[in-house]
Amino acid sequence: MTTQEEEFQGVKVPPGSILHLRYGAANMDEEVFECPHQIDLDRKALTRHLTFSQGHRTCPGNGISRLEQVITWNLIFDRVKNISFTPETKFEHQPGIMLGALELILNFSKED
């Protein structure tokens, strides 16, 4: 909780404010990630995200989560020929610390 008025990145924070650190927002830093709102698997600094935090506070489940993601995506791509977001998909911050789609609408065609 702030005890006096502060300014953070041009935003005035009044006394008594409670700040919530959002690690997901750090992944959207345009100084680190070029076009952070676009999916680009070839982008520079691809692995410099803070999804599982860093240092001694790293998420203990990050290894199993990464493994689950790899297995799931491989299974999906074995069955799907093309996959894309619809123009209606909007990525935005949701309650908690994650950045994601509140509603995900995909176009895809089944692999023959």
PDB file of N, CA and C in Angstrom:
ATOM      1  N   MET A   1       0.846  -1.170   0.000  1.00  0.00           N
ATOM      2  CA  MET A   1       0.000   0.000   0.000  1.00  0.00           C
ATOM      3  C   MET A   1       0.895   1.238   0.000  1.00  0.00           C
ATOM      4  N   THR A   2       0.543   2.206  -0.835  1.00  0.00           N
ATOM      5  CA  THR A   2       1.342   3.434  -0.895  1.00  0.00           C
ATOM      6  C   THR A   2       1.035   4.315   0.309  1.00  0.00           C
ATOM      7  N   THR A   3       2.053   5.002   0.800  1.00  0.00           N
ATOM      8  CA  THR A   3       1.865   5.890   1.948  1.00  0.00           C
ATOM      9  C   THR A   3       1.826   7.354   1.527  1.00  0.00           C
ATOM     10  N   GLN A   4       2.259   7.611   0.316  1.00  0.00           N
ATOM     11  CA  GLN A   4       2.228   8.975  -0.215  1.00  0.00           C
ATOM     12  C   GLN A   4       1.992   8.891  -1.710  1.00  0.00           C
ATOM     13  N   GLU A   5       1.662  10.024  -2.313  1.00  0.00           N
ATOM     14  CA  GLU A   5       1.443  10.019  -3.761  1.00  0.00           C
ATOM     15  C   GLU A   5       2.737   9.697  -4.478  1.00  0.00           C
ATOM     16  N   GLU A   6       2.663   8.789  -5.425  1.00  0.00           N
ATOM     17  CA  GLU A   6       3.812   8.388  -6.240  1.00  0.00           C
ATOM     18  C   GLU A   6       3.421   8.502  -7.702  1.00  0.00           C
ATOM     19  N   GLU A   7       4.415   8.487  -8.547  1.00  0.00           N
ATOM     20  CA  GLU A   7       4.143   8.451  -9.975  1.00  0.00           C
ATOM     21  C   GLU A   7       4.913   7.274 -10.551  1.00  0.00           C
ATOM     22  N   PHE A   8       4.229   6.438 -11.309  1.00  0.00           N
ATOM     23  CA  PHE A   8       4.849   5.265 -11.911  1.00  0.00           C
ATOM     24  C   PHE A   8       4.539   5.249 -13.395  1.00  0.00           C
ATOM     25  N   GLN A   9       5.562   5.376 -14.218  1.00  0.00           N
ATOM     26  CA  GLN A   9       5.436   5.397 -15.670  1.00  0.00           C
ATOM     27  C   GLN A   9       4.372   6.391 -16.131  1.00  0.00           C
ATOM     28  N   GLY A  10       4.393   7.572 -15.527  1.00  0.00           N
ATOM     29  CA  GLY A  10       3.490   8.634 -15.933  1.00  0.00           C
ATOM     30  C   GLY A  10       2.105   8.565 -15.311  1.00  0.00           C
ATOM     31  N   VAL A  11       1.853   7.589 -14.446  1.00  0.00           N
ATOM     32  CA  VAL A  11       0.536   7.443 -13.805  1.00  0.00           C
ATOM     33  C   VAL A  11       0.661   7.837 -12.340  1.00  0.00           C
ATOM     34  N   LYS A  12      -0.178   8.800 -11.908  1.00  0.00           N
ATOM     35  CA  LYS A  12      -0.162   9.219 -10.504  1.00  0.00           C
ATOM     36  C   LYS A  12      -0.898   8.180  -9.666  1.00  0.00           C
ATOM     37  N   VAL A  13      -0.243   7.745  -8.592  1.00  0.00           N
ATOM     38  CA  VAL A  13      -0.796   6.745  -7.678  1.00  0.00           C
ATOM     39  C   VAL A  13      -1.046   7.441  -6.350  1.00  0.00           C
ATOM     40  N   PRO A  14      -2.321   7.614  -5.970  1.00  0.00           N
ATOM     41  CA  PRO A  14      -2.626   8.345  -4.736  1.00  0.00           C
ATOM     42  C   PRO A  14      -2.268   7.547  -3.478  1.00  0.00           C
ATOM     43  N   PRO A  15      -2.080   8.261  -2.350  1.00  0.00           N
ATOM     44  CA  PRO A  15      -1.798   7.580  -1.078  1.00  0.00           C
ATOM     45  C   PRO A  15      -2.909   6.577  -0.746  1.00  0.00           C
ATOM     46  N   GLY A  16      -2.527   5.458  -0.158  1.00  0.00           N
ATOM     47  CA  GLY A  16      -3.503   4.440   0.230  1.00  0.00           C
ATOM     48  C   GLY A  16      -3.835   3.450  -0.882  1.00  0.00           C
ATOM     49  N   SER A  17      -3.228   3.630  -2.043  1.00  0.00           N
ATOM     50  CA  SER A  17      -3.499   2.712  -3.162  1.00  0.00           C
ATOM     51  C   SER A  17      -2.819   1.373  -2.924  1.00  0.00           C
ATOM     52  N   ILE A  18      -3.467   0.328  -3.355  1.00  0.00           N
ATOM     53  CA  ILE A  18      -2.888  -1.004  -3.313  1.00  0.00           C
ATOM     54  C   ILE A  18      -2.522  -1.370  -4.748  1.00  0.00           C
ATOM     55  N   LEU A  19      -1.267  -1.732  -4.964  1.00  0.00           N
ATOM     56  CA  LEU A  19      -0.804  -2.087  -6.298  1.00  0.00           C
ATOM     57  C   LEU A  19      -0.712  -3.603  -6.417  1.00  0.00           C
ATOM     58  N   HIS A  20      -1.116  -4.098  -7.544  1.00  0.00           N
ATOM     59  CA  HIS A  20      -1.066  -5.531  -7.828  1.00  0.00           C
ATOM     60  C   HIS A  20      -0.091  -5.727  -8.977  1.00  0.00           C
ATOM     61  N   LEU A  21       1.015  -6.413  -8.706  1.00  0.00           N
ATOM     62  CA  LEU A  21       1.997  -6.670  -9.750  1.00  0.00           C
ATOM     63  C   LEU A  21       1.450  -7.749 -10.681  1.00  0.00           C
ATOM     64  N   ARG A  22       1.475  -7.486 -11.967  1.00  0.00           N
ATOM     65  CA  ARG A  22       0.937  -8.402 -12.961  1.00  0.00           C
ATOM     66  C   ARG A  22       2.081  -8.875 -13.847  1.00  0.00           C
ATOM     67  N   TYR A  23       2.625 -10.034 -13.544  1.00  0.00           N
ATOM     68  CA  TYR A  23       3.765 -10.536 -14.305  1.00  0.00           C
ATOM     69  C   TYR A  23       3.409 -10.760 -15.766  1.00  0.00           C
ATOM     70  N   GLY A  24       2.165 -11.112 -16.050  1.00  0.00           N
ATOM     71  CA  GLY A  24       1.744 -11.283 -17.432  1.00  0.00           C
ATOM     72  C   GLY A  24       1.921 -10.014 -18.238  1.00  0.00           C
ATOM     73  N   ALA A  25       1.748  -8.869 -17.593  1.00  0.00           N
ATOM     74  CA  ALA A  25       1.919  -7.590 -18.282  1.00  0.00           C
ATOM     75  C   ALA A  25       3.374  -7.370 -18.675  1.00  0.00           C
ATOM     76  N   ALA A  26       4.314  -7.912 -17.908  1.00  0.00           N
ATOM     77  CA  ALA A  26       5.730  -7.760 -18.253  1.00  0.00           C
ATOM     78  C   ALA A  26       6.033  -8.415 -19.587  1.00  0.00           C
ATOM     79  N   ASN A  27       5.301  -9.443 -19.931  1.00  0.00           N
ATOM     80  CA  ASN A  27       5.492 -10.122 -21.211  1.00  0.00           C
ATOM     81  C   ASN A  27       5.025  -9.268 -22.384  1.00  0.00           C
ATOM     82  N   MET A  28       4.379  -8.160 -22.116  1.00  0.00           N
ATOM     83  CA  MET A  28       3.848  -7.300 -23.166  1.00  0.00           C
ATOM     84  C   MET A  28       4.697  -6.040 -23.355  1.00  0.00           C
ATOM     85  N   ASP A  29       5.882  -6.005 -22.761  1.00  0.00           N
ATOM     86  CA  ASP A  29       6.761  -4.843 -22.842  1.00  0.00           C
ATOM     87  C   ASP A  29       7.305  -4.708 -24.263  1.00  0.00           C
ATOM     88  N   GLU A  30       6.896  -3.659 -24.961  1.00  0.00           N
ATOM     89  CA  GLU A  30       7.303  -3.462 -26.350  1.00  0.00           C
ATOM     90  C   GLU A  30       8.790  -3.162 -26.489  1.00  0.00           C
ATOM     91  N   GLU A  31       9.452  -2.788 -25.388  1.00  0.00           N
ATOM     92  CA  GLU A  31      10.904  -2.576 -25.448  1.00  0.00           C
ATOM     93  C   GLU A  31      11.659  -3.906 -25.475  1.00  0.00           C
ATOM     94  N   VAL A  32      11.013  -4.975 -25.030  1.00  0.00           N
ATOM     95  CA  VAL A  32      11.633  -6.304 -25.004  1.00  0.00           C
ATOM     96  C   VAL A  32      11.092  -7.186 -26.122  1.00  0.00           C
ATOM     97  N   PHE A  33       9.783  -7.129 -26.345  1.00  0.00           N
ATOM     98  CA  PHE A  33       9.127  -8.002 -27.305  1.00  0.00           C
ATOM     99  C   PHE A  33       8.527  -7.177 -28.435  1.00  0.00           C
ATOM    100  N   GLU A  34       9.063  -7.330 -29.638  1.00  0.00           N
ATOM    101  CA  GLU A  34       8.528  -6.631 -30.798  1.00  0.00           C
ATOM    102  C   GLU A  34       7.126  -7.164 -31.089  1.00  0.00           C
ATOM    103  N   CYS A  35       6.166  -6.271 -31.249  1.00  0.00           N
ATOM    104  CA  CYS A  35       4.759  -6.637 -31.518  1.00  0.00           C
ATOM    105  C   CYS A  35       4.266  -7.690 -30.516  1.00  0.00           C
ATOM    106  N   PRO A  36       4.241  -7.377 -29.224  1.00  0.00           N
ATOM    107  CA  PRO A  36       3.922  -8.383 -28.205  1.00  0.00           C
ATOM    108  C   PRO A  36       2.509  -8.955 -28.295  1.00  0.00           C
ATOM    109  N   HIS A  37       1.591  -8.265 -28.960  1.00  0.00           N
ATOM    110  CA  HIS A  37       0.217  -8.757 -29.057  1.00  0.00           C
ATOM    111  C   HIS A  37       0.014  -9.704 -30.231  1.00  0.00           C
ATOM    112  N   GLN A  38       1.060  -9.951 -31.006  1.00  0.00           N
ATOM    113  CA  GLN A  38       0.957 -10.868 -32.138  1.00  0.00           C
ATOM    114  C   GLN A  38       1.690 -12.167 -31.800  1.00  0.00           C
ATOM    115  N   ILE A  39       1.151 -13.277 -32.251  1.00  0.00           N
ATOM    116  CA  ILE A  39       1.820 -14.556 -32.062  1.00  0.00           C
ATOM    117  C   ILE A  39       2.881 -14.689 -33.139  1.00  0.00           C
ATOM    118  N   ASP A  40       4.131 -14.801 -32.718  1.00  0.00           N
ATOM    119  CA  ASP A  40       5.253 -14.931 -33.634  1.00  0.00           C
ATOM    120  C   ASP A  40       6.256 -15.878 -32.993  1.00  0.00           C
ATOM    121  N   LEU A  41       6.243 -17.137 -33.419  1.00  0.00           N
ATOM    122  CA  LEU A  41       7.101 -18.141 -32.806  1.00  0.00           C
ATOM    123  C   LEU A  41       8.570 -17.975 -33.184  1.00  0.00           C
ATOM    124  N   ASP A  42       8.871 -17.067 -34.093  1.00  0.00           N
ATOM    125  CA  ASP A  42      10.252 -16.801 -34.482  1.00  0.00           C
ATOM    126  C   ASP A  42      10.786 -15.498 -33.893  1.00  0.00           C
ATOM    127  N   ARG A  43      10.042 -14.870 -33.002  1.00  0.00           N
ATOM    128  CA  ARG A  43      10.460 -13.575 -32.462  1.00  0.00           C
ATOM    129  C   ARG A  43      11.733 -13.694 -31.634  1.00  0.00           C
ATOM    130  N   LYS A  44      12.469 -12.585 -31.574  1.00  0.00           N
ATOM    131  CA  LYS A  44      13.644 -12.521 -30.708  1.00  0.00           C
ATOM    132  C   LYS A  44      13.164 -12.540 -29.264  1.00  0.00           C
ATOM    133  N   ALA A  45      13.972 -13.064 -28.370  1.00  0.00           N
ATOM    134  CA  ALA A  45      13.660 -13.112 -26.929  1.00  0.00           C
ATOM    135  C   ALA A  45      12.422 -13.951 -26.633  1.00  0.00           C
ATOM    136  N   LEU A  46      12.150 -14.957 -27.463  1.00  0.00           N
ATOM    137  CA  LEU A  46      10.952 -15.788 -27.298  1.00  0.00           C
ATOM    138  C   LEU A  46      10.869 -16.432 -25.917  1.00  0.00           C
ATOM    139  N   THR A  47      12.003 -16.836 -25.369  1.00  0.00           N
ATOM    140  CA  THR A  47      11.998 -17.543 -24.081  1.00  0.00           C
ATOM    141  C   THR A  47      12.189 -16.619 -22.879  1.00  0.00           C
ATOM    142  N   ARG A  48      12.193 -15.302 -23.089  1.00  0.00           N
ATOM    143  CA  ARG A  48      12.417 -14.372 -21.985  1.00  0.00           C
ATOM    144  C   ARG A  48      11.112 -13.947 -21.312  1.00  0.00           C
ATOM    145  N   HIS A  49      10.088 -14.763 -21.369  1.00  0.00           N
ATOM    146  CA  HIS A  49       8.809 -14.415 -20.757  1.00  0.00           C
ATOM    147  C   HIS A  49       8.844 -14.664 -19.245  1.00  0.00           C
ATOM    148  N   LEU A  50       7.869 -14.141 -18.536  1.00  0.00           N
ATOM    149  CA  LEU A  50       7.801 -14.306 -17.078  1.00  0.00           C
ATOM    150  C   LEU A  50       6.600 -15.154 -16.671  1.00  0.00           C
ATOM    151  N   THR A  51       6.151 -16.018 -17.550  1.00  0.00           N
ATOM    152  CA  THR A  51       4.956 -16.814 -17.276  1.00  0.00           C
ATOM    153  C   THR A  51       5.074 -17.602 -15.975  1.00  0.00           C
ATOM    154  N   PHE A  52       6.225 -18.171 -15.714  1.00  0.00           N
ATOM    155  CA  PHE A  52       6.407 -18.978 -14.503  1.00  0.00           C
ATOM    156  C   PHE A  52       7.249 -18.265 -13.450  1.00  0.00           C
ATOM    157  N   SER A  53       7.386 -16.950 -13.562  1.00  0.00           N
ATOM    158  CA  SER A  53       8.213 -16.122 -12.694  1.00  0.00           C
ATOM    159  C   SER A  53       9.678 -16.477 -12.930  1.00  0.00           C
ATOM    160  N   GLN A  54      10.566 -15.994 -12.083  1.00  0.00           N
ATOM    161  CA  GLN A  54      11.996 -16.266 -12.240  1.00  0.00           C
ATOM    162  C   GLN A  54      12.654 -16.316 -10.878  1.00  0.00           C
ATOM    163  N   GLY A  55      13.863 -16.826 -10.856  1.00  0.00           N
ATOM    164  CA  GLY A  55      14.639 -16.860  -9.622  1.00  0.00           C
ATOM    165  C   GLY A  55      14.123 -17.895  -8.640  1.00  0.00           C
ATOM    166  N   HIS A  56      14.304 -17.619  -7.358  1.00  0.00           N
ATOM    167  CA  HIS A  56      13.924 -18.585  -6.330  1.00  0.00           C
ATOM    168  C   HIS A  56      12.404 -18.698  -6.165  1.00  0.00           C
ATOM    169  N   ARG A  57      11.641 -17.848  -6.831  1.00  0.00           N
ATOM    170  CA  ARG A  57      10.177 -17.930  -6.772  1.00  0.00           C
ATOM    171  C   ARG A  57       9.582 -18.539  -8.041  1.00  0.00           C
ATOM    172  N   THR A  58      10.400 -19.252  -8.798  1.00  0.00           N
ATOM    173  CA  THR A  58       9.913 -19.902 -10.020  1.00  0.00           C
ATOM    174  C   THR A  58       8.832 -20.915  -9.665  1.00  0.00           C
ATOM    175  N   CYS A  59       7.820 -20.984 -10.472  1.00  0.00           N
ATOM    176  CA  CYS A  59       6.709 -21.907 -10.264  1.00  0.00           C
ATOM    177  C   CYS A  59       7.230 -23.345 -10.210  1.00  0.00           C
ATOM    178  N   PRO A  60       6.925 -24.093  -9.143  1.00  0.00           N
ATOM    179  CA  PRO A  60       7.428 -25.472  -9.060  1.00  0.00           C
ATOM    180  C   PRO A  60       6.795 -26.408 -10.095  1.00  0.00           C
ATOM    181  N   GLY A  61       5.679 -26.011 -10.669  1.00  0.00           N
ATOM    182  CA  GLY A  61       5.012 -26.848 -11.663  1.00  0.00           C
ATOM    183  C   GLY A  61       5.362 -26.492 -13.091  1.00  0.00           C
ATOM    184  N   ASN A  62       6.362 -25.630 -13.300  1.00  0.00           N
ATOM    185  CA  ASN A  62       6.640 -25.170 -14.658  1.00  0.00           C
ATOM    186  C   ASN A  62       7.091 -26.292 -15.580  1.00  0.00           C
ATOM    187  N   GLY A  63       7.832 -27.264 -15.094  1.00  0.00           N
ATOM    188  CA  GLY A  63       8.299 -28.362 -15.938  1.00  0.00           C
ATOM    189  C   GLY A  63       7.159 -29.209 -16.465  1.00  0.00           C
ATOM    190  N   ILE A  64       6.245 -29.599 -15.579  1.00  0.00           N
ATOM    191  CA  ILE A  64       5.104 -30.425 -16.003  1.00  0.00           C
ATOM    192  C   ILE A  64       4.174 -29.624 -16.903  1.00  0.00           C
ATOM    193  N   SER A  65       4.023 -28.333 -16.617  1.00  0.00           N
ATOM    194  CA  SER A  65       3.173 -27.499 -17.466  1.00  0.00           C
ATOM    195  C   SER A  65       3.735 -27.404 -18.877  1.00  0.00           C
ATOM    196  N   ARG A  66       5.033 -27.207 -18.993  1.00  0.00           N
ATOM    197  CA  ARG A  66       5.656 -27.146 -20.320  1.00  0.00           C
ATOM    198  C   ARG A  66       5.492 -28.470 -21.060  1.00  0.00           C
ATOM    199  N   LEU A  67       5.686 -29.576 -20.355  1.00  0.00           N
ATOM    200  CA  LEU A  67       5.523 -30.896 -20.970  1.00  0.00           C
ATOM    201  C   LEU A  67       4.083 -31.106 -21.444  1.00  0.00           C
ATOM    202  N   GLU A  68       3.116 -30.741 -20.608  1.00  0.00           N
ATOM    203  CA  GLU A  68       1.705 -30.861 -20.997  1.00  0.00           C
ATOM    204  C   GLU A  68       1.390 -30.022 -22.233  1.00  0.00           C
ATOM    205  N   GLN A  69       1.964 -28.825 -22.296  1.00  0.00           N
ATOM    206  CA  GLN A  69       1.727 -27.963 -23.449  1.00  0.00           C
ATOM    207  C   GLN A  69       2.304 -28.564 -24.729  1.00  0.00           C
ATOM    208  N   VAL A  70       3.515 -29.088 -24.657  1.00  0.00           N
ATOM    209  CA  VAL A  70       4.140 -29.692 -25.839  1.00  0.00           C
ATOM    210  C   VAL A  70       3.322 -30.891 -26.321  1.00  0.00           C
ATOM    211  N   ILE A  71       2.927 -31.750 -25.406  1.00  0.00           N
ATOM    212  CA  ILE A  71       2.136 -32.932 -25.768  1.00  0.00           C
ATOM    213  C   ILE A  71       0.813 -32.512 -26.397  1.00  0.00           C
ATOM    214  N   THR A  72       0.128 -31.559 -25.768  1.00  0.00           N
ATOM    215  CA  THR A  72      -1.179 -31.106 -26.265  1.00  0.00           C
ATOM    216  C   THR A  72      -1.065 -30.499 -27.650  1.00  0.00           C
ATOM    217  N   TRP A  73      -0.107 -29.578 -27.845  1.00  0.00           N
ATOM    218  CA  TRP A  73       0.039 -28.950 -29.164  1.00  0.00           C
ATOM    219  C   TRP A  73       0.410 -29.973 -30.227  1.00  0.00           C
ATOM    220  N   ASN A  74       1.267 -30.945 -29.895  1.00  0.00           N
ATOM    221  CA  ASN A  74       1.606 -31.983 -30.869  1.00  0.00           C
ATOM    222  C   ASN A  74       0.382 -32.801 -31.257  1.00  0.00           C
ATOM    223  N   LEU A  75      -0.461 -33.145 -30.290  1.00  0.00           N
ATOM    224  CA  LEU A  75      -1.685 -33.888 -30.591  1.00  0.00           C
ATOM    225  C   LEU A  75      -2.642 -33.076 -31.460  1.00  0.00           C
ATOM    226  N   ILE A  76      -2.767 -31.808 -31.143  1.00  0.00           N
ATOM    227  CA  ILE A  76      -3.644 -30.936 -31.942  1.00  0.00           C
ATOM    228  C   ILE A  76      -3.128 -30.847 -33.373  1.00  0.00           C
ATOM    229  N   PHE A  77      -1.835 -30.554 -33.530  1.00  0.00           N
ATOM    230  CA  PHE A  77      -1.290 -30.364 -34.878  1.00  0.00           C
ATOM    231  C   PHE A  77      -1.212 -31.659 -35.674  1.00  0.00           C
ATOM    232  N   ASP A  78      -1.264 -32.820 -35.012  1.00  0.00           N
ATOM    233  CA  ASP A  78      -1.361 -34.095 -35.737  1.00  0.00           C
ATOM    234  C   ASP A  78      -2.736 -34.255 -36.379  1.00  0.00           C
ATOM    235  N   ARG A  79      -3.739 -33.580 -35.837  1.00  0.00           N
ATOM    236  CA  ARG A  79      -5.122 -33.754 -36.304  1.00  0.00           C
ATOM    237  C   ARG A  79      -5.670 -32.568 -37.091  1.00  0.00           C
ATOM    238  N   VAL A  80      -4.996 -31.431 -37.018  1.00  0.00           N
ATOM    239  CA  VAL A  80      -5.516 -30.212 -37.619  1.00  0.00           C
ATOM    240  C   VAL A  80      -4.588 -29.764 -38.750  1.00  0.00           C
ATOM    241  N   LYS A  81      -5.179 -29.430 -39.883  1.00  0.00           N
ATOM    242  CA  LYS A  81      -4.399 -28.992 -41.048  1.00  0.00           C
ATOM    243  C   LYS A  81      -4.026 -27.513 -40.937  1.00  0.00           C
ATOM    244  N   ASN A  82      -4.985 -26.669 -40.729  1.00  0.00           N
ATOM    245  CA  ASN A  82      -4.782 -25.221 -40.589  1.00  0.00           C
ATOM    246  C   ASN A  82      -5.492 -24.753 -39.332  1.00  0.00           C
ATOM    247  N   ILE A  83      -4.890 -23.789 -38.658  1.00  0.00           N
ATOM    248  CA  ILE A  83      -5.525 -23.222 -37.468  1.00  0.00           C
ATOM    249  C   ILE A  83      -5.203 -21.725 -37.426  1.00  0.00           C
ATOM    250  N   SER A  84      -6.214 -20.916 -37.127  1.00  0.00           N
ATOM    251  CA  SER A  84      -6.002 -19.470 -37.040  1.00  0.00           C
ATOM    252  C   SER A  84      -7.044 -18.861 -36.116  1.00  0.00           C
ATOM    253  N   PHE A  85      -6.704 -17.710 -35.557  1.00  0.00           N
ATOM    254  CA  PHE A  85      -7.650 -16.957 -34.735  1.00  0.00           C
ATOM    255  C   PHE A  85      -8.637 -16.254 -35.652  1.00  0.00           C
ATOM    256  N   THR A  86      -9.867 -16.112 -35.191  1.00  0.00           N
ATOM    257  CA  THR A  86     -10.818 -15.307 -35.936  1.00  0.00           C
ATOM    258  C   THR A  86     -10.562 -13.839 -35.604  1.00  0.00           C
ATOM    259  N   PRO A  87     -10.975 -12.932 -36.462  1.00  0.00           N
ATOM    260  CA  PRO A  87     -10.777 -11.509 -36.167  1.00  0.00           C
ATOM    261  C   PRO A  87     -11.474 -11.072 -34.873  1.00  0.00           C
ATOM    262  N   GLU A  88     -12.482 -11.822 -34.439  1.00  0.00           N
ATOM    263  CA  GLU A  88     -13.218 -11.457 -33.216  1.00  0.00           C
ATOM    264  C   GLU A  88     -12.437 -11.751 -31.943  1.00  0.00           C
ATOM    265  N   THR A  89     -11.374 -12.575 -32.009  1.00  0.00           N
ATOM    266  CA  THR A  89     -10.606 -12.931 -30.821  1.00  0.00           C
ATOM    267  C   THR A  89      -9.868 -11.704 -30.315  1.00  0.00           C
ATOM    268  N   LYS A  90     -10.085 -11.371 -29.052  1.00  0.00           N
ATOM    269  CA  LYS A  90      -9.420 -10.230 -28.435  1.00  0.00           C
ATOM    270  C   LYS A  90      -8.648 -10.718 -27.218  1.00  0.00           C
ATOM    271  N   PHE A  91      -7.366 -10.422 -27.188  1.00  0.00           N
ATOM    272  CA  PHE A  91      -6.556 -10.783 -26.041  1.00  0.00           C
ATOM    273  C   PHE A  91      -6.569  -9.618 -25.064  1.00  0.00           C
ATOM    274  N   GLU A  92      -6.841  -9.912 -23.805  1.00  0.00           N
ATOM    275  CA  GLU A  92      -6.897  -8.858 -22.801  1.00  0.00           C
ATOM    276  C   GLU A  92      -6.553  -9.441 -21.445  1.00  0.00           C
ATOM    277  N   HIS A  93      -6.208  -8.567 -20.518  1.00  0.00           N
ATOM    278  CA  HIS A  93      -5.910  -9.022 -19.167  1.00  0.00           C
ATOM    279  C   HIS A  93      -7.192  -9.487 -18.499  1.00  0.00           C
ATOM    280  N   GLN A  94      -7.109 -10.629 -17.865  1.00  0.00           N
ATOM    281  CA  GLN A  94      -8.240 -11.154 -17.118  1.00  0.00           C
ATOM    282  C   GLN A  94      -7.906 -11.099 -15.623  1.00  0.00           C
ATOM    283  N   PRO A  95      -8.881 -11.339 -14.768  1.00  0.00           N
ATOM    284  CA  PRO A  95      -8.592 -11.322 -13.329  1.00  0.00           C
ATOM    285  C   PRO A  95      -7.465 -12.303 -12.998  1.00  0.00           C
ATOM    286  N   GLY A  96      -6.594 -11.936 -12.088  1.00  0.00           N
ATOM    287  CA  GLY A  96      -5.445 -12.763 -11.756  1.00  0.00           C
ATOM    288  C   GLY A  96      -4.200 -12.204 -12.410  1.00  0.00           C
ATOM    289  N   ILE A  97      -3.275 -13.076 -12.770  1.00  0.00           N
ATOM    290  CA  ILE A  97      -2.001 -12.602 -13.310  1.00  0.00           C
ATOM    291  C   ILE A  97      -1.783 -13.002 -14.760  1.00  0.00           C
ATOM    292  N   MET A  98      -2.779 -13.547 -15.407  1.00  0.00           N
ATOM    293  CA  MET A  98      -2.586 -14.074 -16.747  1.00  0.00           C
ATOM    294  C   MET A  98      -3.056 -13.097 -17.823  1.00  0.00           C
ATOM    295  N   LEU A  99      -2.497 -13.245 -18.989  1.00  0.00           N
ATOM    296  CA  LEU A  99      -2.959 -12.537 -20.174  1.00  0.00           C
ATOM    297  C   LEU A  99      -3.483 -13.611 -21.103  1.00  0.00           C
ATOM    298  N   GLY A 100      -4.678 -13.452 -21.571  1.00  0.00           N
ATOM    299  CA  GLY A 100      -5.223 -14.485 -22.449  1.00  0.00           C
ATOM    300  C   GLY A 100      -6.505 -14.037 -23.087  1.00  0.00           C
ATOM    301  N   ALA A 101      -7.156 -14.965 -23.724  1.00  0.00           N
ATOM    302  CA  ALA A 101      -8.413 -14.679 -24.387  1.00  0.00           C
ATOM    303  C   ALA A 101      -9.555 -15.105 -23.467  1.00  0.00           C
ATOM    304  N   LEU A 102     -10.472 -14.189 -23.215  1.00  0.00           N
ATOM    305  CA  LEU A 102     -11.646 -14.551 -22.418  1.00  0.00           C
ATOM    306  C   LEU A 102     -12.563 -15.463 -23.230  1.00  0.00           C
ATOM    307  N   GLU A 103     -12.494 -15.309 -24.541  1.00  0.00           N
ATOM    308  CA  GLU A 103     -13.226 -16.185 -25.453  1.00  0.00           C
ATOM    309  C   GLU A 103     -12.290 -16.429 -26.633  1.00  0.00           C
ATOM    310  N   LEU A 104     -12.065 -17.680 -26.964  1.00  0.00           N
ATOM    311  CA  LEU A 104     -11.147 -18.025 -28.038  1.00  0.00           C
ATOM    312  C   LEU A 104     -11.930 -18.685 -29.166  1.00  0.00           C
ATOM    313  N   ILE A 105     -11.955 -18.023 -30.299  1.00  0.00           N
ATOM    314  CA  ILE A 105     -12.673 -18.541 -31.479  1.00  0.00           C
ATOM    315  C   ILE A 105     -11.633 -18.848 -32.538  1.00  0.00           C
ATOM    316  N   LEU A 106     -11.549 -20.106 -32.937  1.00  0.00           N
ATOM    317  CA  LEU A 106     -10.543 -20.539 -33.903  1.00  0.00           C
ATOM    318  C   LEU A 106     -11.182 -21.046 -35.179  1.00  0.00           C
ATOM    319  N   ASN A 107     -10.475 -20.855 -36.277  1.00  0.00           N
ATOM    320  CA  ASN A 107     -10.828 -21.479 -37.546  1.00  0.00           C
ATOM    321  C   ASN A 107      -9.828 -22.605 -37.768  1.00  0.00           C
ATOM    322  N   PHE A 108     -10.300 -23.779 -38.145  1.00  0.00           N
ATOM    323  CA  PHE A 108      -9.362 -24.857 -38.442  1.00  0.00           C
ATOM    324  C   PHE A 108      -9.998 -25.833 -39.399  1.00  0.00           C
ATOM    325  N   SER A 109      -9.171 -26.585 -40.073  1.00  0.00           N
ATOM    326  CA  SER A 109      -9.652 -27.656 -40.929  1.00  0.00           C
ATOM    327  C   SER A 109      -8.946 -28.941 -40.509  1.00  0.00           C
ATOM    328  N   LYS A 110      -9.677 -30.034 -40.572  1.00  0.00           N
ATOM    329  CA  LYS A 110      -9.182 -31.320 -40.119  1.00  0.00           C
ATOM    330  C   LYS A 110      -8.158 -31.880 -41.117  1.00  0.00           C
ATOM    331  N   GLU A 111      -7.098 -32.495 -40.578  1.00  0.00           N
ATOM    332  CA  GLU A 111      -6.102 -33.154 -41.413  1.00  0.00           C
ATOM    333  C   GLU A 111      -6.765 -34.351 -42.090  1.00  0.00           C
ATOM    334  N   ASP A 112      -6.459 -34.573 -43.371  1.00  0.00           N
ATOM    335  CA  ASP A 112      -7.057 -35.698 -44.108  1.00  0.00           C
ATOM    336  C   ASP A 112      -6.520 -37.027 -43.643  1.00  0.00           C
TER     337      ASP A 112
END
